[in-house]
Amino acid sequence: DLVGILADAHVRLARGQGAELWWRDAGGRQLTPAEALDIYGLKTSPAFEAAIAMGIRLAGLPPESVAAINRYALHVGTGFQILNDLKDWGGDLENNRRAAGDLLGGRPTLLWALAIERLAAADIVRLREIATESTREDLPASAAIGLLQEARDLYDRAGVVPRATAIAAEQRRRAAEALAGCRHRRLREVLDFLLDLAVPEPVSAG
């Protein structure tokens, strides 16, 4: 049973990483917020689900009989990934070389999808240009900082951070709802603790 839990999680994680790589290498960089959340659900949530399900199975219970662990893990993993993206933009670009690492790495994020959804056409063109220019190996550090600051300004113009923060809070609420049927007090305490750790309340942009 444990091998089955791990194998299933591994397949779904691979699909999530594959979707991310496909998007990174595809032209146009089209991505909707719903698609970004789907990728998050694949590339992050199965790890949470497998860890929880194995613990429950080792305790002698079928995981599906305890609570909606799959829905809980989906929303915990998705909320966790959103907060991780927000932290990526929370630092000082001058002093933190890893700031905006998702943009530099060409990874699909909810922040990018929200910006594409909300910005004017000319701003979208510029954001895509920034993403391309930022990956140049010969780009001076000062120029990279300028480009990332410009991208941050575009994200601010689109209201990306407050919207993403609200979506993370919604993921937390749905994770908590998935635990409503859990009748095992100790397990419920552990899962509430994990939720507070992964998607803390109040949700902060970091």
C-alpha atoms as a PDB file:
ATOM      1  CA  ASP A   1       0.000   0.000   0.000  1.00  0.00           C
ATOM      2  CA  LEU A   2       2.823   2.409   0.852  1.00  0.00           C
ATOM      3  CA  VAL A   3       4.580   1.712  -2.446  1.00  0.00           C
ATOM      4  CA  GLY A   4       1.295   2.356  -4.252  1.00  0.00           C
ATOM      5  CA  ILE A   5       0.829   5.686  -2.456  1.00  0.00           C
ATOM      6  CA  LEU A   6       4.364   6.761  -3.345  1.00  0.00           C
ATOM      7  CA  ALA A   7       4.116   5.593  -6.960  1.00  0.00           C
ATOM      8  CA  ASP A   8       0.864   7.469  -7.525  1.00  0.00           C
ATOM      9  CA  ALA A   9       2.302  10.636  -5.997  1.00  0.00           C
ATOM     10  CA  HIS A  10       5.464  10.340  -8.075  1.00  0.00           C
ATOM     11  CA  VAL A  11       3.529  10.038 -11.335  1.00  0.00           C
ATOM     12  CA  ARG A  12       1.462  13.131 -10.542  1.00  0.00           C
ATOM     13  CA  LEU A  13       4.526  15.122  -9.458  1.00  0.00           C
ATOM     14  CA  ALA A  14       6.233  14.196 -12.733  1.00  0.00           C
ATOM     15  CA  ARG A  15       3.189  15.389 -14.665  1.00  0.00           C
ATOM     16  CA  GLY A  16       3.313  18.707 -12.819  1.00  0.00           C
ATOM     17  CA  GLN A  17       7.000  19.191 -13.527  1.00  0.00           C
ATOM     18  CA  GLY A  18       6.424  18.153 -17.129  1.00  0.00           C
ATOM     19  CA  ALA A  19       3.664  20.751 -17.515  1.00  0.00           C
ATOM     20  CA  GLU A  20       5.977  23.388 -16.063  1.00  0.00           C
ATOM     21  CA  LEU A  21       8.811  22.476 -18.434  1.00  0.00           C
ATOM     22  CA  TRP A  22       6.474  22.362 -21.413  1.00  0.00           C
ATOM     23  CA  TRP A  23       5.231  25.873 -20.634  1.00  0.00           C
ATOM     24  CA  ARG A  24       8.762  27.176 -20.104  1.00  0.00           C
ATOM     25  CA  ASP A  25       9.910  25.926 -23.495  1.00  0.00           C
ATOM     26  CA  ALA A  26       6.760  26.856 -25.425  1.00  0.00           C
ATOM     27  CA  GLY A  27       6.497  30.143 -27.274  1.00  0.00           C
ATOM     28  CA  GLY A  28       4.064  32.895 -26.372  1.00  0.00           C
ATOM     29  CA  ARG A  29       4.029  32.277 -22.624  1.00  0.00           C
ATOM     30  CA  GLN A  30       0.255  32.009 -22.486  1.00  0.00           C
ATOM     31  CA  LEU A  31      -1.056  30.981 -19.067  1.00  0.00           C
ATOM     32  CA  THR A  32      -4.355  31.531 -17.279  1.00  0.00           C
ATOM     33  CA  PRO A  33      -4.664  31.695 -13.470  1.00  0.00           C
ATOM     34  CA  ALA A  34      -6.678  28.451 -13.541  1.00  0.00           C
ATOM     35  CA  GLU A  35      -3.905  26.705 -15.489  1.00  0.00           C
ATOM     36  CA  ALA A  36      -1.291  27.981 -13.052  1.00  0.00           C
ATOM     37  CA  LEU A  37      -3.293  26.575 -10.136  1.00  0.00           C
ATOM     38  CA  ASP A  38      -3.640  23.246 -11.949  1.00  0.00           C
ATOM     39  CA  ILE A  39       0.146  23.061 -12.333  1.00  0.00           C
ATOM     40  CA  TYR A  40       0.587  23.876  -8.643  1.00  0.00           C
ATOM     41  CA  GLY A  41      -1.851  21.144  -7.733  1.00  0.00           C
ATOM     42  CA  LEU A  42       0.201  18.625  -9.683  1.00  0.00           C
ATOM     43  CA  LYS A  43       3.739  19.672  -8.842  1.00  0.00           C
ATOM     44  CA  THR A  44       3.348  20.309  -5.086  1.00  0.00           C
ATOM     45  CA  SER A  45       0.212  18.799  -3.581  1.00  0.00           C
ATOM     46  CA  PRO A  46       0.974  15.072  -4.156  1.00  0.00           C
ATOM     47  CA  ALA A  47       3.985  15.307  -1.845  1.00  0.00           C
ATOM     48  CA  PHE A  48       1.769  16.535   0.998  1.00  0.00           C
ATOM     49  CA  GLU A  49      -0.855  13.906   0.217  1.00  0.00           C
ATOM     50  CA  ALA A  50       1.639  11.028   0.143  1.00  0.00           C
ATOM     51  CA  ALA A  51       3.206  11.989   3.486  1.00  0.00           C
ATOM     52  CA  ILE A  52      -0.180  12.245   5.188  1.00  0.00           C
ATOM     53  CA  ALA A  53      -1.644   9.119   3.575  1.00  0.00           C
ATOM     54  CA  MET A  54       1.361   6.984   4.530  1.00  0.00           C
ATOM     55  CA  GLY A  55       1.110   8.063   8.151  1.00  0.00           C
ATOM     56  CA  ILE A  56      -2.576   7.206   8.246  1.00  0.00           C
ATOM     57  CA  ARG A  57      -1.975   3.850   6.543  1.00  0.00           C
ATOM     58  CA  LEU A  58       0.804   2.960   8.989  1.00  0.00           C
ATOM     59  CA  ALA A  59      -1.670   3.679  11.771  1.00  0.00           C
ATOM     60  CA  GLY A  60      -3.807   0.891  10.331  1.00  0.00           C
ATOM     61  CA  LEU A  61      -6.515   2.873   8.536  1.00  0.00           C
ATOM     62  CA  PRO A  62      -7.371   3.347   4.860  1.00  0.00           C
ATOM     63  CA  PRO A  63      -6.576   7.048   4.208  1.00  0.00           C
ATOM     64  CA  GLU A  64      -9.830   7.622   2.315  1.00  0.00           C
ATOM     65  CA  SER A  65     -11.848   6.489   5.346  1.00  0.00           C
ATOM     66  CA  VAL A  66     -10.416   9.182   7.636  1.00  0.00           C
ATOM     67  CA  ALA A  67     -11.031  12.447   5.778  1.00  0.00           C
ATOM     68  CA  ALA A  68     -10.871  14.000   2.327  1.00  0.00           C
ATOM     69  CA  ILE A  69      -7.079  13.872   2.418  1.00  0.00           C
ATOM     70  CA  ASN A  70      -6.775  14.332  -1.341  1.00  0.00           C
ATOM     71  CA  ARG A  71      -8.754  17.605  -1.296  1.00  0.00           C
ATOM     72  CA  TYR A  72      -6.973  18.788   1.838  1.00  0.00           C
ATOM     73  CA  ALA A  73      -3.541  18.164   0.314  1.00  0.00           C
ATOM     74  CA  LEU A  74      -4.555  19.764  -2.992  1.00  0.00           C
ATOM     75  CA  HIS A  75      -5.437  23.051  -1.316  1.00  0.00           C
ATOM     76  CA  VAL A  76      -2.561  22.985   1.174  1.00  0.00           C
ATOM     77  CA  GLY A  77      -0.047  22.379  -1.604  1.00  0.00           C
ATOM     78  CA  THR A  78      -1.566  25.007  -3.868  1.00  0.00           C
ATOM     79  CA  GLY A  79      -1.724  27.622  -1.115  1.00  0.00           C
ATOM     80  CA  PHE A  80       1.847  26.812  -0.097  1.00  0.00           C
ATOM     81  CA  GLN A  81       3.076  27.297  -3.665  1.00  0.00           C
ATOM     82  CA  ILE A  82       1.277  30.638  -4.007  1.00  0.00           C
ATOM     83  CA  LEU A  83       2.896  31.944  -0.825  1.00  0.00           C
ATOM     84  CA  ASN A  84       6.252  30.699  -2.064  1.00  0.00           C
ATOM     85  CA  ASP A  85       5.782  32.730  -5.254  1.00  0.00           C
ATOM     86  CA  LEU A  86       4.845  35.813  -3.255  1.00  0.00           C
ATOM     87  CA  LYS A  87       7.991  35.474  -1.163  1.00  0.00           C
ATOM     88  CA  ASP A  88       9.953  35.373  -4.405  1.00  0.00           C
ATOM     89  CA  TRP A  89       8.949  39.014  -4.921  1.00  0.00           C
ATOM     90  CA  GLY A  90       9.197  40.091  -1.288  1.00  0.00           C
ATOM     91  CA  GLY A  91      12.914  40.843  -1.100  1.00  0.00           C
ATOM     92  CA  ASP A  92      15.097  43.780  -1.978  1.00  0.00           C
ATOM     93  CA  LEU A  93      16.148  43.337  -5.591  1.00  0.00           C
ATOM     94  CA  GLU A  94      19.394  45.202  -4.913  1.00  0.00           C
ATOM     95  CA  ASN A  95      20.510  42.855  -2.139  1.00  0.00           C
ATOM     96  CA  ASN A  96      18.732  39.608  -2.905  1.00  0.00           C
ATOM     97  CA  ARG A  97      19.977  38.017  -6.118  1.00  0.00           C
ATOM     98  CA  ARG A  98      17.335  35.286  -5.827  1.00  0.00           C
ATOM     99  CA  ALA A  99      14.455  37.744  -5.898  1.00  0.00           C
ATOM    100  CA  ALA A 100      12.118  37.085  -8.833  1.00  0.00           C
ATOM    101  CA  GLY A 101      13.846  33.761  -9.422  1.00  0.00           C
ATOM    102  CA  ASP A 102      10.714  32.314 -11.013  1.00  0.00           C
ATOM    103  CA  LEU A 103      10.747  34.986 -13.689  1.00  0.00           C
ATOM    104  CA  LEU A 104      14.476  34.464 -14.319  1.00  0.00           C
ATOM    105  CA  GLY A 105      14.025  30.705 -14.392  1.00  0.00           C
ATOM    106  CA  GLY A 106      11.131  30.903 -16.823  1.00  0.00           C
ATOM    107  CA  ARG A 107       8.751  29.075 -14.488  1.00  0.00           C
ATOM    108  CA  PRO A 108       4.966  29.485 -14.822  1.00  0.00           C
ATOM    109  CA  THR A 109       3.463  31.184 -11.792  1.00  0.00           C
ATOM    110  CA  LEU A 110       0.099  32.472 -10.676  1.00  0.00           C
ATOM    111  CA  LEU A 111       1.634  35.944 -10.453  1.00  0.00           C
ATOM    112  CA  TRP A 112       2.573  35.862 -14.129  1.00  0.00           C
ATOM    113  CA  ALA A 113      -0.860  34.546 -15.117  1.00  0.00           C
ATOM    114  CA  LEU A 114      -2.643  37.259 -13.137  1.00  0.00           C
ATOM    115  CA  ALA A 115      -0.461  39.931 -14.720  1.00  0.00           C
ATOM    116  CA  ILE A 116      -1.207  38.631 -18.221  1.00  0.00           C
ATOM    117  CA  GLU A 117      -4.917  38.559 -17.382  1.00  0.00           C
ATOM    118  CA  ARG A 118      -5.030  42.089 -15.971  1.00  0.00           C
ATOM    119  CA  LEU A 119      -2.482  44.209 -17.847  1.00  0.00           C
ATOM    120  CA  ALA A 120      -3.068  46.243 -20.996  1.00  0.00           C
ATOM    121  CA  ALA A 121      -1.791  44.763 -24.251  1.00  0.00           C
ATOM    122  CA  ALA A 122       1.280  47.004 -24.429  1.00  0.00           C
ATOM    123  CA  ASP A 123       2.251  46.145 -20.856  1.00  0.00           C
ATOM    124  CA  ILE A 124       1.916  42.426 -21.600  1.00  0.00           C
ATOM    125  CA  VAL A 125       4.282  42.788 -24.536  1.00  0.00           C
ATOM    126  CA  ARG A 126       6.777  44.580 -22.315  1.00  0.00           C
ATOM    127  CA  LEU A 127       6.500  41.978 -19.560  1.00  0.00           C
ATOM    128  CA  ARG A 128       7.290  39.218 -22.039  1.00  0.00           C
ATOM    129  CA  GLU A 129      10.264  41.210 -23.301  1.00  0.00           C
ATOM    130  CA  ILE A 130      11.526  41.584 -19.736  1.00  0.00           C
ATOM    131  CA  ALA A 131      11.211  37.851 -19.136  1.00  0.00           C
ATOM    132  CA  THR A 132      13.268  37.144 -22.261  1.00  0.00           C
ATOM    133  CA  GLU A 133      15.896  39.818 -21.609  1.00  0.00           C
ATOM    134  CA  SER A 134      16.325  38.773 -17.971  1.00  0.00           C
ATOM    135  CA  THR A 135      17.602  35.326 -18.956  1.00  0.00           C
ATOM    136  CA  ARG A 136      20.558  36.637 -20.974  1.00  0.00           C
ATOM    137  CA  GLU A 137      23.805  35.248 -19.590  1.00  0.00           C
ATOM    138  CA  ASP A 138      25.756  38.417 -20.444  1.00  0.00           C
ATOM    139  CA  LEU A 139      23.274  40.738 -18.742  1.00  0.00           C
ATOM    140  CA  PRO A 140      25.026  43.069 -16.251  1.00  0.00           C
ATOM    141  CA  ALA A 141      23.759  42.886 -12.673  1.00  0.00           C
ATOM    142  CA  SER A 142      22.627  46.515 -12.728  1.00  0.00           C
ATOM    143  CA  ALA A 143      20.595  45.921 -15.885  1.00  0.00           C
ATOM    144  CA  ALA A 144      19.036  42.791 -14.392  1.00  0.00           C
ATOM    145  CA  ILE A 145      17.952  44.738 -11.309  1.00  0.00           C
ATOM    146  CA  GLY A 146      16.409  47.397 -13.528  1.00  0.00           C
ATOM    147  CA  LEU A 147      14.465  44.842 -15.531  1.00  0.00           C
ATOM    148  CA  LEU A 148      13.183  43.081 -12.429  1.00  0.00           C
ATOM    149  CA  GLN A 149      12.112  46.376 -10.903  1.00  0.00           C
ATOM    150  CA  GLU A 150      10.220  47.155 -14.082  1.00  0.00           C
ATOM    151  CA  ALA A 151       8.523  43.757 -13.885  1.00  0.00           C
ATOM    152  CA  ARG A 152       7.628  44.422 -10.265  1.00  0.00           C
ATOM    153  CA  ASP A 153       6.095  47.752 -11.256  1.00  0.00           C
ATOM    154  CA  LEU A 154       3.977  45.981 -13.872  1.00  0.00           C
ATOM    155  CA  TYR A 155       2.866  43.412 -11.307  1.00  0.00           C
ATOM    156  CA  ASP A 156       1.917  46.246  -8.962  1.00  0.00           C
ATOM    157  CA  ARG A 157      -0.025  47.948 -11.738  1.00  0.00           C
ATOM    158  CA  ALA A 158      -1.994  44.733 -12.265  1.00  0.00           C
ATOM    159  CA  GLY A 159      -2.708  44.309  -8.542  1.00  0.00           C
ATOM    160  CA  VAL A 160      -1.119  40.885  -8.660  1.00  0.00           C
ATOM    161  CA  VAL A 161       0.029  40.584  -5.033  1.00  0.00           C
ATOM    162  CA  PRO A 162      -3.290  41.315  -3.277  1.00  0.00           C
ATOM    163  CA  ARG A 163      -5.173  39.074  -5.704  1.00  0.00           C
ATOM    164  CA  ALA A 164      -2.713  36.193  -5.264  1.00  0.00           C
ATOM    165  CA  THR A 165      -2.849  36.674  -1.493  1.00  0.00           C
ATOM    166  CA  ALA A 166      -6.643  36.398  -1.601  1.00  0.00           C
ATOM    167  CA  ILE A 167      -6.423  33.206  -3.669  1.00  0.00           C
ATOM    168  CA  ALA A 168      -3.994  31.713  -1.129  1.00  0.00           C
ATOM    169  CA  ALA A 169      -6.457  32.544   1.654  1.00  0.00           C
ATOM    170  CA  GLU A 170      -9.211  30.804  -0.322  1.00  0.00           C
ATOM    171  CA  GLN A 171      -7.020  27.709  -0.677  1.00  0.00           C
ATOM    172  CA  ARG A 172      -6.526  27.707   3.111  1.00  0.00           C
ATOM    173  CA  ARG A 173     -10.291  27.925   3.653  1.00  0.00           C
ATOM    174  CA  ARG A 174     -10.940  25.005   1.305  1.00  0.00           C
ATOM    175  CA  ALA A 175      -8.269  22.904   2.999  1.00  0.00           C
ATOM    176  CA  ALA A 176      -9.922  23.511   6.353  1.00  0.00           C
ATOM    177  CA  GLU A 177     -13.310  22.558   4.901  1.00  0.00           C
ATOM    178  CA  ALA A 178     -11.877  19.252   3.663  1.00  0.00           C
ATOM    179  CA  LEU A 179     -11.143  18.304   7.283  1.00  0.00           C
ATOM    180  CA  ALA A 180     -14.754  18.696   8.376  1.00  0.00           C
ATOM    181  CA  GLY A 181     -15.380  14.947   8.264  1.00  0.00           C
ATOM    182  CA  CYS A 182     -12.262  13.958  10.229  1.00  0.00           C
ATOM    183  CA  ARG A 183     -13.392  12.301  13.491  1.00  0.00           C
ATOM    184  CA  HIS A 184      -9.903  11.505  14.816  1.00  0.00           C
ATOM    185  CA  ARG A 185      -8.996  14.306  17.207  1.00  0.00           C
ATOM    186  CA  ARG A 186      -5.223  13.761  17.249  1.00  0.00           C
ATOM    187  CA  LEU A 187      -5.028  13.536  13.469  1.00  0.00           C
ATOM    188  CA  ARG A 188      -7.162  16.658  13.126  1.00  0.00           C
ATOM    189  CA  GLU A 189      -4.750  18.509  15.413  1.00  0.00           C
ATOM    190  CA  VAL A 190      -1.792  17.429  13.289  1.00  0.00           C
ATOM    191  CA  LEU A 191      -3.483  18.441  10.048  1.00  0.00           C
ATOM    192  CA  ASP A 192      -4.554  21.807  11.499  1.00  0.00           C
ATOM    193  CA  PHE A 193      -0.944  22.353  12.560  1.00  0.00           C
ATOM    194  CA  LEU A 194       0.319  21.472   9.087  1.00  0.00           C
ATOM    195  CA  LEU A 195      -2.166  23.885   7.530  1.00  0.00           C
ATOM    196  CA  ASP A 196      -1.022  26.695   9.839  1.00  0.00           C
ATOM    197  CA  LEU A 197       2.589  25.904   8.978  1.00  0.00           C
ATOM    198  CA  ALA A 198       2.174  25.666   5.196  1.00  0.00           C
ATOM    199  CA  VAL A 199      -0.506  28.336   4.617  1.00  0.00           C
ATOM    200  CA  PRO A 200      -0.478  30.560   7.702  1.00  0.00           C
ATOM    201  CA  GLU A 201      -3.318  32.830   8.686  1.00  0.00           C
ATOM    202  CA  PRO A 202      -3.490  35.725   8.151  1.00  0.00           C
ATOM    203  CA  VAL A 203      -1.970  35.084   4.736  1.00  0.00           C
ATOM    204  CA  SER A 204       0.898  37.447   4.147  1.00  0.00           C
ATOM    205  CA  ALA A 205       2.675  38.475   0.964  1.00  0.00           C
ATOM    206  CA  GLY A 206       5.939  38.031   2.864  1.00  0.00           C
END
